[in-house]
Amino acid sequence: MNIMISYAPFWRTLKMRGETTYSLITKHNISSATIDRMKKGGGISTAKIEDFCRILDCRVEDIIEYIK
């Protein structure tokens, strides 16, 4: 059984909000390592998901989705 969390909603939400990974890093102090982990499908903390929801004014579902 493969369990996977996808960040596809995050990339769509980021674009819709007019933000970039550069602005997240420089303006919002998100580490480049976090962005890199997400690009590679790695895990991030719930605190980081909360940060993204605050920055992008969105819900958790706009950041991650569960795929069986």
C-alpha atoms as a PDB file:
ATOM      1  CA  MET A   1       0.000   0.000   0.000  1.00  0.00           C
ATOM      2  CA  ASN A   2       1.474   3.310  -1.122  1.00  0.00           C
ATOM      3  CA  ILE A   3       0.381   6.408   0.751  1.00  0.00           C
ATOM      4  CA  MET A   4       1.243   9.685  -0.846  1.00  0.00           C
ATOM      5  CA  ILE A   5       0.791  13.318  -0.015  1.00  0.00           C
ATOM      6  CA  SER A   6       0.785  15.526  -3.087  1.00  0.00           C
ATOM      7  CA  TYR A   7       1.683  19.204  -3.116  1.00  0.00           C
ATOM      8  CA  ALA A   8       0.006  19.816  -6.493  1.00  0.00           C
ATOM      9  CA  PRO A   9      -2.679  22.003  -4.848  1.00  0.00           C
ATOM     10  CA  PHE A  10       0.089  24.144  -3.313  1.00  0.00           C
ATOM     11  CA  TRP A  11       1.647  24.973  -6.679  1.00  0.00           C
ATOM     12  CA  ARG A  12      -1.772  25.901  -8.124  1.00  0.00           C
ATOM     13  CA  THR A  13      -2.625  28.040  -5.078  1.00  0.00           C
ATOM     14  CA  LEU A  14       0.778  29.721  -5.162  1.00  0.00           C
ATOM     15  CA  LYS A  15       0.219  30.743  -8.784  1.00  0.00           C
ATOM     16  CA  MET A  16      -3.381  31.878  -8.155  1.00  0.00           C
ATOM     17  CA  ARG A  17      -2.213  34.106  -5.275  1.00  0.00           C
ATOM     18  CA  GLY A  18       0.500  35.691  -7.405  1.00  0.00           C
ATOM     19  CA  GLU A  19       3.303  34.442  -5.171  1.00  0.00           C
ATOM     20  CA  THR A  20       6.516  32.703  -6.223  1.00  0.00           C
ATOM     21  CA  THR A  21       8.942  30.440  -4.434  1.00  0.00           C
ATOM     22  CA  TYR A  22      11.341  33.406  -4.487  1.00  0.00           C
ATOM     23  CA  SER A  23       8.837  35.630  -2.674  1.00  0.00           C
ATOM     24  CA  LEU A  24       8.146  32.879  -0.129  1.00  0.00           C
ATOM     25  CA  ILE A  25      11.857  32.663   0.624  1.00  0.00           C
ATOM     26  CA  THR A  26      12.688  36.383   0.626  1.00  0.00           C
ATOM     27  CA  LYS A  27       9.477  38.009   1.832  1.00  0.00           C
ATOM     28  CA  HIS A  28       8.000  35.332   4.092  1.00  0.00           C
ATOM     29  CA  ASN A  29      11.173  33.652   5.421  1.00  0.00           C
ATOM     30  CA  ILE A  30      10.328  30.164   4.156  1.00  0.00           C
ATOM     31  CA  SER A  31      13.543  28.180   3.821  1.00  0.00           C
ATOM     32  CA  SER A  32      14.707  27.083   0.394  1.00  0.00           C
ATOM     33  CA  ALA A  33      15.161  23.602   1.916  1.00  0.00           C
ATOM     34  CA  THR A  34      11.399  23.451   2.599  1.00  0.00           C
ATOM     35  CA  ILE A  35      10.614  24.410  -1.004  1.00  0.00           C
ATOM     36  CA  ASP A  36      13.137  21.852  -2.247  1.00  0.00           C
ATOM     37  CA  ARG A  37      11.595  19.095  -0.066  1.00  0.00           C
ATOM     38  CA  MET A  38       8.155  19.915  -1.459  1.00  0.00           C
ATOM     39  CA  LYS A  39       9.419  19.846  -5.048  1.00  0.00           C
ATOM     40  CA  LYS A  40      10.820  16.366  -4.369  1.00  0.00           C
ATOM     41  CA  GLY A  41       7.635  15.175  -2.639  1.00  0.00           C
ATOM     42  CA  GLY A  42       9.221  15.047   0.818  1.00  0.00           C
ATOM     43  CA  GLY A  43       7.493  15.719   4.097  1.00  0.00           C
ATOM     44  CA  ILE A  44       6.925  19.074   5.754  1.00  0.00           C
ATOM     45  CA  SER A  45       5.644  19.860   9.233  1.00  0.00           C
ATOM     46  CA  THR A  46       2.087  20.793  10.088  1.00  0.00           C
ATOM     47  CA  ALA A  47       3.500  24.090  11.375  1.00  0.00           C
ATOM     48  CA  LYS A  48       4.835  24.789   7.865  1.00  0.00           C
ATOM     49  CA  ILE A  49       1.452  23.894   6.340  1.00  0.00           C
ATOM     50  CA  GLU A  50      -0.109  26.368   8.766  1.00  0.00           C
ATOM     51  CA  ASP A  51       2.423  29.018   7.665  1.00  0.00           C
ATOM     52  CA  PHE A  52       1.485  28.457   4.020  1.00  0.00           C
ATOM     53  CA  CYS A  53      -2.237  28.693   4.826  1.00  0.00           C
ATOM     54  CA  ARG A  54      -1.628  32.024   6.588  1.00  0.00           C
ATOM     55  CA  ILE A  55       0.636  33.417   3.850  1.00  0.00           C
ATOM     56  CA  LEU A  56      -1.622  32.317   0.988  1.00  0.00           C
ATOM     57  CA  ASP A  57      -4.903  32.882   2.858  1.00  0.00           C
ATOM     58  CA  CYS A  58      -6.152  29.402   2.045  1.00  0.00           C
ATOM     59  CA  ARG A  59      -7.184  26.067   3.554  1.00  0.00           C
ATOM     60  CA  VAL A  60      -5.107  22.935   4.139  1.00  0.00           C
ATOM     61  CA  GLU A  61      -6.750  21.327   1.079  1.00  0.00           C
ATOM     62  CA  ASP A  62      -5.254  24.138  -1.005  1.00  0.00           C
ATOM     63  CA  ILE A  63      -1.766  23.030   0.083  1.00  0.00           C
ATOM     64  CA  ILE A  64      -1.796  19.215   0.197  1.00  0.00           C
ATOM     65  CA  GLU A  65      -3.916  16.306  -0.934  1.00  0.00           C
ATOM     66  CA  TYR A  66      -3.871  12.637  -0.058  1.00  0.00           C
ATOM     67  CA  ILE A  67      -3.551  10.201  -2.938  1.00  0.00           C
ATOM     68  CA  LYS A  68      -3.936   6.438  -2.415  1.00  0.00           C
END
